[in-house]
């Protein structure tokens, strides 16, 4: 599987406050971004996979909601995570 517990710990260490910081907005956004990137690659090869397309749309919405939350609470943290992940907005 593309996302195992070691990869999750790595993401949480890099973008969160530590390896066990699974609930902060930054770590969740990083996890969603990783999953979105992998599902996007899958969709490029499997255009008719509608269930994956639906889950991809849901993940993008969840990430957008977390980004909006972070932007309204702390603009500096928002700018830092957007820059670190290389998101467009």
C-alpha atoms as a PDB file:
ATOM      1  CA  UNK A   1       0.000   0.000   0.000  1.00  0.00           C
ATOM      2  CA  UNK A   2       1.233   3.478  -0.789  1.00  0.00           C
ATOM      3  CA  UNK A   3       0.440   4.924   2.655  1.00  0.00           C
ATOM      4  CA  UNK A   4       1.717   2.911   5.586  1.00  0.00           C
ATOM      5  CA  UNK A   5       2.228   3.895   9.206  1.00  0.00           C
ATOM      6  CA  UNK A   6       5.904   4.760   8.656  1.00  0.00           C
ATOM      7  CA  UNK A   7       4.978   7.223   5.895  1.00  0.00           C
ATOM      8  CA  UNK A   8       2.316   8.789   8.128  1.00  0.00           C
ATOM      9  CA  UNK A   9       4.810   9.252  10.959  1.00  0.00           C
ATOM     10  CA  UNK A  10       7.234  10.843   8.511  1.00  0.00           C
ATOM     11  CA  UNK A  11       4.572  13.293   7.313  1.00  0.00           C
ATOM     12  CA  UNK A  12       3.509  14.152  10.862  1.00  0.00           C
ATOM     13  CA  UNK A  13       7.123  14.754  11.933  1.00  0.00           C
ATOM     14  CA  UNK A  14       7.833  16.971   8.948  1.00  0.00           C
ATOM     15  CA  UNK A  15       4.692  19.116   8.944  1.00  0.00           C
ATOM     16  CA  UNK A  16       3.262  18.689  12.444  1.00  0.00           C
ATOM     17  CA  UNK A  17       4.688  19.317  15.881  1.00  0.00           C
ATOM     18  CA  UNK A  18       5.975  15.763  16.273  1.00  0.00           C
ATOM     19  CA  UNK A  19       5.523  12.136  15.269  1.00  0.00           C
ATOM     20  CA  UNK A  20       2.383  11.759  17.383  1.00  0.00           C
ATOM     21  CA  UNK A  21       0.797  15.061  16.307  1.00  0.00           C
ATOM     22  CA  UNK A  22      -1.969  13.633  14.164  1.00  0.00           C
ATOM     23  CA  UNK A  23      -4.655  16.202  14.854  1.00  0.00           C
ATOM     24  CA  UNK A  24      -3.146  19.560  13.973  1.00  0.00           C
ATOM     25  CA  UNK A  25      -4.396  21.262  10.849  1.00  0.00           C
ATOM     26  CA  UNK A  26      -0.946  21.267   9.249  1.00  0.00           C
ATOM     27  CA  UNK A  27      -0.436  17.530   9.649  1.00  0.00           C
ATOM     28  CA  UNK A  28      -3.927  16.762   8.346  1.00  0.00           C
ATOM     29  CA  UNK A  29      -3.422  19.036   5.336  1.00  0.00           C
ATOM     30  CA  UNK A  30      -0.106  17.330   4.578  1.00  0.00           C
ATOM     31  CA  UNK A  31      -1.714  13.891   4.826  1.00  0.00           C
ATOM     32  CA  UNK A  32      -4.601  14.910   2.569  1.00  0.00           C
ATOM     33  CA  UNK A  33      -2.157  16.418   0.057  1.00  0.00           C
ATOM     34  CA  UNK A  34      -0.150  13.194  -0.082  1.00  0.00           C
ATOM     35  CA  UNK A  35      -3.301  11.149  -0.661  1.00  0.00           C
ATOM     36  CA  UNK A  36      -4.589  13.629  -3.274  1.00  0.00           C
ATOM     37  CA  UNK A  37      -1.332  13.414  -5.186  1.00  0.00           C
ATOM     38  CA  UNK A  38      -1.473   9.613  -5.311  1.00  0.00           C
ATOM     39  CA  UNK A  39      -5.139   9.502  -6.271  1.00  0.00           C
ATOM     40  CA  UNK A  40      -4.518  12.046  -9.020  1.00  0.00           C
ATOM     41  CA  UNK A  41      -1.848   9.796 -10.514  1.00  0.00           C
ATOM     42  CA  UNK A  42      -4.267   6.865 -10.321  1.00  0.00           C
ATOM     43  CA  UNK A  43      -6.980   8.885 -12.068  1.00  0.00           C
ATOM     44  CA  UNK A  44      -4.650   9.769 -14.935  1.00  0.00           C
ATOM     45  CA  UNK A  45      -4.408   6.089 -15.817  1.00  0.00           C
ATOM     46  CA  UNK A  46      -7.950   5.034 -14.832  1.00  0.00           C
ATOM     47  CA  UNK A  47     -10.263   7.714 -16.138  1.00  0.00           C
ATOM     48  CA  UNK A  48     -13.449   5.716 -15.649  1.00  0.00           C
ATOM     49  CA  UNK A  49     -12.871   4.923 -11.967  1.00  0.00           C
ATOM     50  CA  UNK A  50     -15.777   6.941 -10.610  1.00  0.00           C
ATOM     51  CA  UNK A  51     -15.496   5.794  -6.995  1.00  0.00           C
ATOM     52  CA  UNK A  52     -11.905   7.030  -6.817  1.00  0.00           C
ATOM     53  CA  UNK A  53     -12.936  10.271  -8.477  1.00  0.00           C
ATOM     54  CA  UNK A  54     -15.591  10.782  -5.821  1.00  0.00           C
ATOM     55  CA  UNK A  55     -13.175  10.123  -2.966  1.00  0.00           C
ATOM     56  CA  UNK A  56     -10.631  12.456  -4.573  1.00  0.00           C
ATOM     57  CA  UNK A  57     -13.240  15.222  -4.733  1.00  0.00           C
ATOM     58  CA  UNK A  58     -14.084  14.643  -1.077  1.00  0.00           C
ATOM     59  CA  UNK A  59     -10.433  14.844  -0.037  1.00  0.00           C
ATOM     60  CA  UNK A  60      -9.941  18.081  -1.953  1.00  0.00           C
ATOM     61  CA  UNK A  61     -12.970  19.530  -0.158  1.00  0.00           C
ATOM     62  CA  UNK A  62     -11.698  18.445   3.255  1.00  0.00           C
ATOM     63  CA  UNK A  63      -8.285  19.951   2.558  1.00  0.00           C
ATOM     64  CA  UNK A  64      -9.880  23.196   1.359  1.00  0.00           C
ATOM     65  CA  UNK A  65     -11.998  23.380   4.523  1.00  0.00           C
ATOM     66  CA  UNK A  66      -8.928  22.889   6.720  1.00  0.00           C
ATOM     67  CA  UNK A  67      -7.011  25.510   4.755  1.00  0.00           C
ATOM     68  CA  UNK A  68      -9.886  27.967   5.156  1.00  0.00           C
ATOM     69  CA  UNK A  69     -10.000  27.235   8.889  1.00  0.00           C
ATOM     70  CA  UNK A  70      -6.265  27.750   9.254  1.00  0.00           C
ATOM     71  CA  UNK A  71      -6.407  30.953   7.208  1.00  0.00           C
ATOM     72  CA  UNK A  72      -9.095  32.399   9.459  1.00  0.00           C
ATOM     73  CA  UNK A  73      -7.290  31.394  12.689  1.00  0.00           C
ATOM     74  CA  UNK A  74      -3.620  32.030  11.962  1.00  0.00           C
ATOM     75  CA  UNK A  75      -2.535  33.485   8.623  1.00  0.00           C
ATOM     76  CA  UNK A  76       1.174  32.847   9.288  1.00  0.00           C
ATOM     77  CA  UNK A  77       0.647  29.096   9.810  1.00  0.00           C
ATOM     78  CA  UNK A  78      -1.526  29.055   6.669  1.00  0.00           C
ATOM     79  CA  UNK A  79       1.153  30.731   4.569  1.00  0.00           C
ATOM     80  CA  UNK A  80       3.831  28.412   5.952  1.00  0.00           C
ATOM     81  CA  UNK A  81       1.954  25.193   5.112  1.00  0.00           C
ATOM     82  CA  UNK A  82       0.976  26.423   1.647  1.00  0.00           C
ATOM     83  CA  UNK A  83       4.594  27.280   0.915  1.00  0.00           C
ATOM     84  CA  UNK A  84       5.915  24.006   2.377  1.00  0.00           C
ATOM     85  CA  UNK A  85       3.514  21.860   0.360  1.00  0.00           C
ATOM     86  CA  UNK A  86       3.731  23.949  -2.797  1.00  0.00           C
ATOM     87  CA  UNK A  87       0.005  24.493  -3.112  1.00  0.00           C
ATOM     88  CA  UNK A  88      -1.213  27.038  -5.635  1.00  0.00           C
ATOM     89  CA  UNK A  89      -3.264  29.191  -3.327  1.00  0.00           C
END
